[in-house]
Amino acid sequence: MADSAKLIAHLLRRAGFGVGPDEIAAFGNLSYAQAVDRLLNYDTIPDTVDANIGQPGYLGTTSNGPFSPNTILTDAQQRWLFRMVHSQRPLQEKMTLFWHNYFATGFDKIAGVVNTAHATRLMAAKASEDPAGQQGQIEMLRANALGTLRVLLIQITIDPAMLYWLDGNTNTRAQPQENFGRELMELFSRGVGYYTESDVYAAARVFTGINLQTGDIRSPNASFSWVYRANQHDTGSKTFSFPIYADGGKTIPARAAASGTQDAIDLINALAYHPETARRVASKLLTFFFSETLTPRASDLDYLANIYLQNGTAIKPVLRAIFMAPQFQDPATYFTRYAWPVEYVVRALKEVGWTGYSAASALSPLINMGQKLFDPPNVAGWVLGQSWFSTGAMLNRMNWASNLAANQQFRIATASAGARSSPTALVDFLTSRLATDLDPAVRADLITYASAGSTWTGSDAQLRTKGAGVVHLILGSAAYQFV
């Protein structure tokens, strides 16, 4: 693979989910700068991928009854996996995953308050398909994936799933609920150590009256939306330990109840534009797209934070700066970020194949690997990096890889037909196809495996059995756990 192709493959592993047939067709003739432009400017590409669900030639789905990703969680998870595999907008799906972890909201708690169908609607429904026009949180995040953090903070504040998740629906003047205000400062903006307990109480008062309005939850078409209850808003002034206004003022003034939502706008603006928020967002994006193991240099954080602030808290210019940075393009950084379970699974499907395979077959293995889409473990999201790789989780990756390789053995054999001359040719072809940087000793072991047994003839039967075996071993190798 030429150096430019390797660089674009690196970009597609980080800014997407690997290099499959769709990516080869779309990016094969582009320069690196053009590839970056195509990824970032995805809004010029029609988002028609969902229309291919259930069509021949695509990853399959399985449901007990009609496929209903707006109301059945497992169907919603399958639809998202399908999008990750087939979307012509890979960065949009990658950023949706990033924000899902950043604003981590758990399905199980919401389902316990309403029911599983409504919880799925609140997390995953497409408004255009829902009888009540309900938009799920993931759809909101997808729509704003490369927008501004300021708008995202506003949208997440009034998101029905978040209102349930962090108890905003119970935030009243008599009993201010602190959960959302705390996480807004600790996880969604400035970070730990940049607020006080008095700030938490003041933030809780800011959001009093921003509650949830629901229809009859016994109805499958019940609507859920935020509502401002002016009679439940604390109209008094709220003082913080950090500036809220450009003149350095730290106090949100007393306001009439009818204007109480301006309190929330003032606080969100202050947090979105705060320099520490800018640095924290820069750090989160660097961790996700560049490295979880390297501590970002202060100069890099400052540079990206300035881009974020100069562009009105927009995310797209920050990502462009990351992708165009010499450090990102350095071959030494290839395969140095730990693959999340869903990244591992989707990349393997793209690179190995999906003929006759259903996304449903990956759902339980993903949970066993440590990641259940739509249901992160807590408000801080998943623990990333090396924490993905417990003994049990790694065993589950290998077991799933074995299942996929066996399932795709005929596709692997067909693809490998031009490499039937020797075990070495087969191993080198599959290593290249899976875009993996194997240690020479591992390559030698794979050649030994492919050579073992009966005399090599390169028959279709050998290509099926040995090809699938080599793919299983590559997917289970240490090298393939990195992107």
Protein backbone atom coordinates (compact mmCIF):
# COMPACT_ATOMS: atom_id res chain seq x y z
CA MET A 1 0.00 0.00 0.00
CA ALA A 2 1.44 3.36 -1.03
CA ASP A 3 2.29 5.88 1.66
CA SER A 4 -0.61 8.18 0.71
CA ALA A 5 -3.04 5.26 0.80
CA LYS A 6 -1.72 4.26 4.22
CA LEU A 7 -2.20 7.80 5.48
CA ILE A 8 -5.78 7.94 4.25
CA ALA A 9 -6.43 4.50 5.76
CA HIS A 10 -5.12 5.87 9.07
CA LEU A 11 -7.44 8.86 8.74
CA LEU A 12 -10.41 6.57 8.02
CA ARG A 13 -9.71 4.39 11.04
CA ARG A 14 -9.62 7.44 13.31
CA ALA A 15 -12.26 9.66 11.67
CA GLY A 16 -14.41 6.72 10.60
CA PHE A 17 -14.51 2.99 11.21
CA GLY A 18 -11.94 1.57 8.82
CA VAL A 19 -11.53 0.96 5.11
CA GLY A 20 -14.26 -1.07 3.46
CA PRO A 21 -15.48 -1.21 -0.14
CA ASP A 22 -17.44 2.03 0.31
CA GLU A 23 -14.35 3.89 1.47
CA ILE A 24 -12.17 2.45 -1.30
CA ALA A 25 -14.68 3.71 -3.86
CA ALA A 26 -15.13 7.14 -2.28
CA PHE A 27 -11.57 7.93 -1.17
CA GLY A 28 -9.38 5.84 -3.49
CA ASN A 29 -8.49 8.67 -5.87
CA LEU A 30 -8.34 11.55 -3.39
CA SER A 31 -5.34 13.32 -1.96
CA TYR A 32 -5.07 13.44 1.82
CA ALA A 33 -6.32 17.04 1.97
CA GLN A 34 -9.25 16.13 -0.27
CA ALA A 35 -10.05 13.15 1.97
CA VAL A 36 -10.11 15.43 5.01
CA ASP A 37 -12.42 17.84 3.17
CA ARG A 38 -14.79 15.04 2.19
CA LEU A 39 -15.00 13.76 5.75
CA LEU A 40 -15.60 17.20 7.27
CA ASN A 41 -18.04 18.46 4.64
CA TYR A 42 -20.33 15.47 4.85
CA ASP A 43 -23.43 17.66 4.80
CA THR A 44 -22.98 17.89 1.01
CA ILE A 45 -23.51 14.11 0.76
CA PRO A 46 -27.11 12.82 0.93
CA ASP A 47 -27.84 10.82 4.09
CA THR A 48 -29.73 7.95 2.46
CA VAL A 49 -28.03 5.01 4.15
CA ASP A 50 -31.08 3.88 6.15
CA ALA A 51 -32.96 3.20 2.91
CA ASN A 52 -30.55 0.29 2.30
CA ILE A 53 -31.49 -1.59 5.48
CA GLY A 54 -32.89 -4.95 4.47
CA GLN A 55 -31.59 -4.68 0.91
CA PRO A 56 -29.37 -7.36 -0.71
CA GLY A 57 -25.65 -6.73 -0.54
CA TYR A 58 -25.71 -4.94 2.81
CA LEU A 59 -25.21 -5.96 6.43
CA GLY A 60 -28.32 -7.81 7.56
CA THR A 61 -30.64 -7.09 10.46
CA THR A 62 -32.78 -9.46 12.50
CA SER A 63 -35.90 -8.62 14.46
CA ASN A 64 -38.74 -10.43 16.20
CA GLY A 65 -41.41 -9.01 13.94
CA PRO A 66 -41.22 -5.87 11.80
CA PHE A 67 -37.91 -4.04 12.10
CA SER A 68 -38.63 -1.08 14.39
CA PRO A 69 -35.50 0.86 15.36
CA ASN A 70 -37.57 3.72 16.75
CA THR A 71 -39.21 1.58 19.44
CA ILE A 72 -37.13 -1.60 19.93
CA LEU A 73 -33.68 -1.15 21.48
CA THR A 74 -31.98 -4.06 19.72
CA ASP A 75 -33.30 -2.80 16.39
CA ALA A 76 -32.01 0.69 17.18
CA GLN A 77 -28.59 -0.76 17.99
CA GLN A 78 -28.61 -2.68 14.71
CA ARG A 79 -29.55 0.42 12.75
CA TRP A 80 -26.63 2.31 14.25
CA LEU A 81 -24.21 -0.51 13.48
CA PHE A 82 -25.58 -0.59 9.94
CA ARG A 83 -24.94 3.13 9.62
CA MET A 84 -21.39 2.77 10.92
CA VAL A 85 -20.67 0.08 8.34
CA HIS A 86 -22.37 1.69 5.33
CA SER A 87 -22.73 5.45 5.84
CA GLN A 88 -21.13 7.70 3.25
CA ARG A 89 -20.66 10.12 6.15
CA PRO A 90 -18.31 8.14 8.44
CA LEU A 91 -17.16 11.16 10.44
CA GLN A 92 -20.74 12.03 11.32
CA GLU A 93 -21.24 8.57 12.83
CA LYS A 94 -17.86 8.74 14.58
CA MET A 95 -18.70 12.10 16.12
CA THR A 96 -22.15 10.85 17.12
CA LEU A 97 -20.38 8.07 19.02
CA PHE A 98 -18.05 10.65 20.58
CA TRP A 99 -20.96 12.79 21.79
CA HIS A 100 -22.86 9.71 23.00
CA ASN A 101 -19.97 9.11 25.36
CA TYR A 102 -19.46 12.80 26.17
CA PHE A 103 -23.13 13.30 27.13
CA ALA A 104 -23.45 9.72 28.37
CA THR A 105 -27.12 8.89 28.91
CA GLY A 106 -28.26 5.41 29.96
CA PHE A 107 -31.21 3.60 28.42
CA ASP A 108 -31.94 1.39 31.44
CA LYS A 109 -32.75 4.24 33.83
CA ILE A 110 -35.10 5.88 31.34
CA ALA A 111 -36.80 2.54 30.59
CA GLY A 112 -37.35 2.10 34.31
CA VAL A 113 -39.26 5.39 34.45
CA VAL A 114 -41.32 5.02 31.27
CA ASN A 115 -41.03 1.72 29.38
CA THR A 116 -38.62 0.15 26.91
CA ALA A 117 -40.47 1.34 23.82
CA HIS A 118 -40.63 4.95 24.98
CA ALA A 119 -37.03 4.80 26.23
CA THR A 120 -35.96 3.66 22.76
CA ARG A 121 -37.91 6.52 21.21
CA LEU A 122 -36.22 9.01 23.56
CA MET A 123 -32.79 7.65 22.70
CA ALA A 124 -33.07 6.69 19.03
CA ALA A 125 -36.26 7.76 17.25
CA LYS A 126 -36.10 9.60 13.95
CA ALA A 127 -38.64 12.41 14.13
CA SER A 128 -39.67 11.89 10.51
CA GLU A 129 -40.67 8.30 11.31
CA ASP A 130 -42.27 8.80 14.72
CA PRO A 131 -46.06 9.35 14.86
CA ALA A 132 -45.59 12.12 17.43
CA GLY A 133 -42.49 13.57 15.75
CA GLN A 134 -40.32 12.46 18.68
CA GLN A 135 -36.59 12.92 18.10
CA GLY A 136 -34.22 10.67 19.99
CA GLN A 137 -31.09 11.98 21.67
CA ILE A 138 -28.77 10.17 19.25
CA GLU A 139 -30.54 11.80 16.31
CA MET A 140 -30.09 15.19 17.95
CA LEU A 141 -26.38 14.51 18.49
CA ARG A 142 -26.02 13.31 14.90
CA ALA A 143 -27.67 16.46 13.59
CA ASN A 144 -25.30 18.65 15.61
CA ALA A 145 -22.20 16.47 15.38
CA LEU A 146 -19.87 19.13 13.92
CA GLY A 147 -21.75 22.18 15.13
CA THR A 148 -20.98 24.31 18.17
CA LEU A 149 -20.67 23.12 21.73
CA ARG A 150 -22.84 26.06 22.76
CA VAL A 151 -25.78 24.75 20.73
CA LEU A 152 -25.14 21.20 21.90
CA LEU A 153 -25.23 22.33 25.53
CA ILE A 154 -28.54 24.07 24.93
CA GLN A 155 -29.99 21.06 23.13
CA ILE A 156 -28.81 18.57 25.76
CA THR A 157 -30.30 20.76 28.50
CA ILE A 158 -33.78 20.36 27.02
CA ASP A 159 -33.35 16.84 25.66
CA PRO A 160 -36.10 14.60 27.12
CA ALA A 161 -33.77 11.64 27.64
CA MET A 162 -31.30 13.86 29.53
CA LEU A 163 -34.12 15.39 31.58
CA TYR A 164 -34.96 11.89 32.78
CA TRP A 165 -31.33 10.77 33.10
CA LEU A 166 -30.19 13.65 35.32
CA ASP A 167 -33.55 14.32 36.99
CA GLY A 168 -34.25 17.68 35.39
CA ASN A 169 -37.91 16.72 35.30
CA THR A 170 -37.98 17.10 39.10
CA ASN A 171 -36.08 20.41 39.31
CA THR A 172 -38.41 22.86 41.06
CA ARG A 173 -38.13 26.13 42.94
CA ALA A 174 -38.85 24.45 46.29
CA GLN A 175 -36.40 21.58 45.68
CA PRO A 176 -33.63 22.47 43.23
CA GLN A 177 -32.17 19.30 41.67
CA GLU A 178 -28.37 19.49 41.48
CA ASN A 179 -27.52 16.56 39.18
CA PHE A 180 -27.64 18.32 35.83
CA GLY A 181 -25.96 21.52 37.01
CA ARG A 182 -23.08 19.54 38.51
CA GLU A 183 -22.48 17.43 35.40
CA LEU A 184 -22.87 20.46 33.15
CA MET A 185 -19.82 21.97 34.83
CA GLU A 186 -17.87 18.82 35.65
CA LEU A 187 -18.36 16.67 32.54
CA PHE A 188 -19.92 18.79 29.83
CA SER A 189 -17.78 21.93 30.09
CA ARG A 190 -15.04 23.16 32.47
CA GLY A 191 -14.13 19.94 34.26
CA VAL A 192 -13.27 18.77 37.77
CA GLY A 193 -11.66 21.39 39.97
CA TYR A 194 -13.14 24.39 38.19
CA TYR A 195 -16.32 24.83 40.19
CA THR A 196 -17.41 24.93 43.83
CA GLU A 197 -20.31 23.36 45.69
CA SER A 198 -21.95 26.76 45.84
CA ASP A 199 -21.70 26.87 42.03
CA VAL A 200 -23.58 23.55 41.89
CA TYR A 201 -26.43 24.92 43.98
CA ALA A 202 -26.54 28.14 41.95
CA ALA A 203 -26.65 26.11 38.71
CA ALA A 204 -29.48 23.97 40.07
CA ARG A 205 -31.45 27.18 40.72
CA VAL A 206 -30.69 28.40 37.19
CA PHE A 207 -32.45 25.37 35.69
CA THR A 208 -35.46 25.28 38.02
CA GLY A 209 -38.66 25.11 36.02
CA ILE A 210 -37.01 23.54 32.96
CA ASN A 211 -38.91 20.30 33.26
CA LEU A 212 -40.45 17.56 31.16
CA GLN A 213 -43.91 17.44 29.69
CA THR A 214 -45.28 14.01 28.81
CA GLY A 215 -48.37 12.62 27.24
CA ASP A 216 -50.11 9.50 28.47
CA ILE A 217 -47.24 7.01 28.59
CA ARG A 218 -49.77 4.19 28.18
CA SER A 219 -50.10 5.37 24.60
CA PRO A 220 -47.40 4.13 22.18
CA ASN A 221 -47.46 7.57 20.57
CA ALA A 222 -47.09 9.65 23.73
CA SER A 223 -45.05 12.79 23.21
CA PHE A 224 -42.19 13.92 25.44
CA SER A 225 -40.87 17.47 25.35
CA TRP A 226 -39.24 20.00 27.60
CA VAL A 227 -41.43 22.63 29.16
CA TYR A 228 -40.65 25.80 31.06
CA ARG A 229 -42.82 26.17 34.13
CA ALA A 230 -42.38 29.78 35.14
CA ASN A 231 -44.07 29.23 38.50
CA GLN A 232 -41.33 26.69 39.36
CA HIS A 233 -38.40 28.95 38.51
CA ASP A 234 -36.27 30.54 41.21
CA THR A 235 -36.29 34.20 40.21
CA GLY A 236 -33.59 35.31 42.62
CA SER A 237 -30.04 36.26 41.61
CA LYS A 238 -27.42 33.51 41.29
CA THR A 239 -23.76 34.16 42.00
CA PHE A 240 -20.92 31.95 40.72
CA SER A 241 -17.21 31.70 41.48
CA PHE A 242 -16.35 32.37 37.81
CA PRO A 243 -17.36 35.11 35.39
CA ILE A 244 -20.70 34.80 33.66
CA TYR A 245 -20.53 38.00 31.61
CA ALA A 246 -17.90 39.64 29.42
CA ASP A 247 -17.43 42.46 31.93
CA GLY A 248 -16.38 39.91 34.56
CA GLY A 249 -19.71 39.91 36.39
CA LYS A 250 -20.29 36.69 38.30
CA THR A 251 -23.94 37.17 39.21
CA ILE A 252 -26.96 36.30 37.06
CA PRO A 253 -29.43 39.02 38.05
CA ALA A 254 -32.88 38.48 39.49
CA ARG A 255 -35.43 38.20 36.70
CA ALA A 256 -39.14 37.94 36.31
CA ALA A 257 -40.27 34.33 36.08
CA ALA A 258 -41.43 34.83 32.50
CA SER A 259 -37.81 35.50 31.46
CA GLY A 260 -36.27 32.74 33.58
CA THR A 261 -34.92 30.66 30.69
CA GLN A 262 -32.43 33.46 30.04
CA ASP A 263 -30.67 32.34 33.22
CA ALA A 264 -29.87 29.04 31.52
CA ILE A 265 -28.70 30.75 28.33
CA ASP A 266 -26.40 33.06 30.30
CA LEU A 267 -24.83 30.19 32.22
CA ILE A 268 -24.43 27.99 29.14
CA ASN A 269 -22.82 30.84 27.20
CA ALA A 270 -20.38 31.44 30.04
CA LEU A 271 -19.45 27.77 30.24
CA ALA A 272 -19.23 27.17 26.49
CA TYR A 273 -16.86 30.11 26.00
CA HIS A 274 -14.77 29.58 29.11
CA PRO A 275 -11.07 28.96 28.34
CA GLU A 276 -11.04 25.84 30.50
CA THR A 277 -13.96 24.42 28.54
CA ALA A 278 -12.04 25.12 25.34
CA ARG A 279 -9.01 23.26 26.66
CA ARG A 280 -11.12 20.37 27.94
CA VAL A 281 -12.90 19.95 24.60
CA ALA A 282 -9.54 20.09 22.82
CA SER A 283 -8.19 17.43 25.16
CA LYS A 284 -11.22 15.18 24.66
CA LEU A 285 -10.97 15.44 20.88
CA LEU A 286 -7.23 14.78 20.91
CA THR A 287 -7.75 11.74 23.10
CA PHE A 288 -10.45 10.38 20.81
CA PHE A 289 -8.81 11.06 17.46
CA PHE A 290 -5.10 11.06 18.25
CA SER A 291 -4.01 9.16 21.35
CA GLU A 292 -5.30 7.95 24.70
CA THR A 293 -1.81 7.18 25.94
CA LEU A 294 0.11 10.36 25.13
CA THR A 295 -0.39 13.42 27.33
CA PRO A 296 -1.27 16.34 25.03
CA ARG A 297 1.30 19.12 24.97
CA ALA A 298 0.12 22.36 26.57
CA SER A 299 0.96 24.21 23.37
CA ASP A 300 -1.26 21.88 21.32
CA LEU A 301 -4.17 22.31 23.73
CA ASP A 302 -3.77 26.08 23.65
CA TYR A 303 -3.65 26.08 19.85
CA LEU A 304 -6.82 23.99 19.49
CA ALA A 305 -8.59 25.86 22.29
CA ASN A 306 -7.95 29.13 20.47
CA ILE A 307 -9.41 27.70 17.27
CA TYR A 308 -12.49 26.58 19.21
CA LEU A 309 -12.97 30.03 20.76
CA GLN A 310 -12.22 31.98 17.60
CA ASN A 311 -14.86 29.96 15.75
CA GLY A 312 -17.69 30.40 18.20
CA THR A 313 -17.18 27.01 19.92
CA ALA A 314 -17.45 25.17 16.57
CA ILE A 315 -16.05 21.65 16.44
CA LYS A 316 -15.35 21.30 12.70
CA PRO A 317 -12.37 23.74 12.61
CA VAL A 318 -10.81 21.98 15.60
CA LEU A 319 -11.04 18.61 13.85
CA ARG A 320 -9.56 20.04 10.66
CA ALA A 321 -6.59 21.30 12.67
CA ILE A 322 -6.14 17.87 14.29
CA PHE A 323 -6.33 15.94 11.02
CA MET A 324 -3.99 18.32 9.20
CA ALA A 325 -1.40 18.41 11.98
CA PRO A 326 1.96 16.79 11.15
CA GLN A 327 1.74 14.82 14.41
CA PHE A 328 -1.52 13.19 13.33
CA GLN A 329 -0.05 12.26 9.95
CA ASP A 330 3.17 10.83 11.41
CA PRO A 331 3.34 7.07 10.62
CA ALA A 332 4.59 6.54 14.17
CA THR A 333 1.06 7.32 15.37
CA TYR A 334 -0.63 4.67 13.21
CA PHE A 335 -2.26 1.89 15.27
CA THR A 336 -1.58 3.59 18.59
CA ARG A 337 -5.11 4.23 19.89
CA TYR A 338 -7.02 1.43 21.61
CA ALA A 339 -10.06 0.38 19.59
CA TRP A 340 -13.40 0.64 21.35
CA PRO A 341 -15.43 -2.59 21.02
CA VAL A 342 -17.79 -1.03 18.49
CA GLU A 343 -14.85 0.33 16.49
CA TYR A 344 -13.27 -3.13 16.49
CA VAL A 345 -16.48 -4.84 15.34
CA VAL A 346 -17.38 -2.34 12.63
CA ARG A 347 -13.85 -2.19 11.26
CA ALA A 348 -13.74 -5.99 11.06
CA LEU A 349 -17.08 -6.12 9.26
CA LYS A 350 -15.86 -3.53 6.75
CA GLU A 351 -12.55 -5.27 6.11
CA VAL A 352 -13.59 -8.94 6.31
CA GLY A 353 -17.14 -8.81 4.95
CA TRP A 354 -20.78 -9.12 5.99
CA THR A 355 -22.35 -11.42 3.41
CA GLY A 356 -25.18 -13.26 5.16
CA TYR A 357 -24.22 -11.71 8.50
CA SER A 358 -26.71 -9.91 10.74
CA ALA A 359 -25.91 -6.93 12.94
CA ALA A 360 -27.95 -8.69 15.61
CA SER A 361 -25.19 -11.31 15.89
CA ALA A 362 -22.79 -8.63 17.14
CA LEU A 363 -24.98 -7.18 19.90
CA SER A 364 -24.34 -9.71 22.68
CA PRO A 365 -20.62 -9.97 21.83
CA LEU A 366 -20.36 -6.17 22.03
CA ILE A 367 -21.87 -6.22 25.51
CA ASN A 368 -19.44 -8.97 26.51
CA MET A 369 -16.60 -6.84 25.15
CA GLY A 370 -17.76 -4.00 27.41
CA GLN A 371 -19.90 -1.73 25.24
CA LYS A 372 -23.69 -1.58 24.97
CA LEU A 373 -24.79 1.13 22.58
CA PHE A 374 -27.37 3.54 24.04
CA ASP A 375 -26.49 2.43 27.57
CA PRO A 376 -23.11 3.66 28.87
CA PRO A 377 -22.43 2.57 32.46
CA ASN A 378 -22.77 5.98 34.10
CA VAL A 379 -22.77 9.71 33.44
CA ALA A 380 -18.98 9.69 32.95
CA GLY A 381 -19.34 7.27 30.04
CA TRP A 382 -17.17 4.27 29.29
CA VAL A 383 -13.70 3.88 30.78
CA LEU A 384 -11.47 4.06 27.73
CA GLY A 385 -8.04 2.91 26.64
CA GLN A 386 -6.43 -0.19 28.09
CA SER A 387 -9.44 -0.68 30.36
CA TRP A 388 -11.27 -2.21 27.40
CA PHE A 389 -8.89 -5.18 27.54
CA SER A 390 -9.67 -7.36 30.50
CA THR A 391 -8.97 -11.06 30.00
CA GLY A 392 -12.66 -11.79 29.55
CA ALA A 393 -13.25 -8.91 27.16
CA MET A 394 -10.28 -9.93 25.00
CA LEU A 395 -11.49 -13.53 24.94
CA ASN A 396 -14.85 -12.28 23.73
CA ARG A 397 -13.16 -10.32 20.93
CA MET A 398 -11.36 -13.47 19.82
CA ASN A 399 -14.51 -15.60 20.00
CA TRP A 400 -16.44 -13.07 17.93
CA ALA A 401 -13.57 -12.90 15.43
CA SER A 402 -13.69 -16.68 15.07
CA ASN A 403 -17.43 -16.55 14.42
CA LEU A 404 -17.11 -13.79 11.82
CA ALA A 405 -14.22 -15.47 10.00
CA ALA A 406 -16.08 -18.76 9.81
CA ASN A 407 -19.23 -16.96 8.65
CA GLN A 408 -17.30 -15.18 5.89
CA GLN A 409 -15.04 -18.04 4.78
CA PHE A 410 -16.44 -18.16 1.25
CA ARG A 411 -16.09 -14.39 0.81
CA ILE A 412 -12.54 -14.57 2.19
CA ALA A 413 -11.67 -17.39 -0.22
CA THR A 414 -13.08 -15.53 -3.22
CA ALA A 415 -11.18 -12.37 -2.30
CA SER A 416 -7.98 -14.38 -1.78
CA ALA A 417 -8.09 -16.21 -5.13
CA GLY A 418 -5.22 -14.15 -6.50
CA ALA A 419 -3.03 -15.15 -3.54
CA ARG A 420 -3.40 -18.91 -3.81
CA SER A 421 0.22 -19.43 -4.93
CA SER A 422 1.58 -20.01 -1.40
CA PRO A 423 0.80 -19.68 2.30
CA THR A 424 3.07 -16.63 2.36
CA ALA A 425 1.09 -14.96 -0.43
CA LEU A 426 -2.18 -15.70 1.39
CA VAL A 427 -0.94 -14.24 4.69
CA ASP A 428 0.47 -11.14 3.04
CA PHE A 429 -2.72 -10.54 1.06
CA LEU A 430 -4.97 -10.86 4.10
CA THR A 431 -2.66 -8.72 6.23
CA SER A 432 -2.85 -6.00 3.59
CA ARG A 433 -6.62 -6.38 3.21
CA LEU A 434 -7.08 -5.99 6.95
CA ALA A 435 -4.76 -2.96 6.94
CA THR A 436 -2.79 -4.31 9.86
CA ASP A 437 0.81 -3.59 10.85
CA LEU A 438 1.94 -7.01 12.07
CA ASP A 439 5.17 -7.71 13.90
CA PRO A 440 7.50 -9.88 11.71
CA ALA A 441 7.37 -12.66 14.28
CA VAL A 442 3.56 -12.70 14.14
CA ARG A 443 3.68 -12.79 10.35
CA ALA A 444 6.05 -15.76 10.52
CA ASP A 445 3.69 -17.57 12.91
CA LEU A 446 0.76 -16.97 10.56
CA ILE A 447 2.73 -18.39 7.63
CA THR A 448 3.59 -21.44 9.76
CA TYR A 449 -0.10 -21.88 10.58
CA ALA A 450 -1.16 -21.53 6.94
CA SER A 451 1.52 -24.06 5.89
CA ALA A 452 0.61 -26.68 8.49
CA GLY A 453 -1.25 -29.83 7.57
CA SER A 454 -1.62 -31.15 4.06
CA THR A 455 0.61 -30.03 1.22
CA TRP A 456 -0.32 -26.57 0.00
CA THR A 457 -2.16 -26.65 -3.31
CA GLY A 458 -4.06 -23.36 -3.12
CA SER A 459 -7.36 -25.13 -3.62
CA ASP A 460 -10.66 -23.40 -2.91
CA ALA A 461 -11.06 -25.62 0.16
CA GLN A 462 -7.66 -24.55 1.49
CA LEU A 463 -8.44 -20.91 0.84
CA ARG A 464 -11.66 -21.29 2.81
CA THR A 465 -10.21 -23.06 5.82
CA LYS A 466 -6.79 -21.44 5.98
CA GLY A 467 -8.07 -18.03 4.87
CA ALA A 468 -10.69 -17.99 7.61
CA GLY A 469 -8.13 -19.21 10.13
CA VAL A 470 -5.63 -16.50 9.21
CA VAL A 471 -8.34 -13.83 9.41
CA HIS A 472 -9.39 -15.09 12.85
CA LEU A 473 -5.80 -14.94 14.09
CA ILE A 474 -5.24 -11.45 12.69
CA LEU A 475 -8.46 -10.13 14.24
CA GLY A 476 -7.42 -11.69 17.54
CA SER A 477 -3.87 -10.35 17.40
CA ALA A 478 -2.63 -7.57 19.62
CA ALA A 479 -2.04 -5.37 16.56
CA TYR A 480 -5.67 -5.43 15.47
CA GLN A 481 -6.85 -4.03 18.80
CA PHE A 482 -5.50 -0.62 17.82
CA VAL A 483 -6.68 1.92 15.25
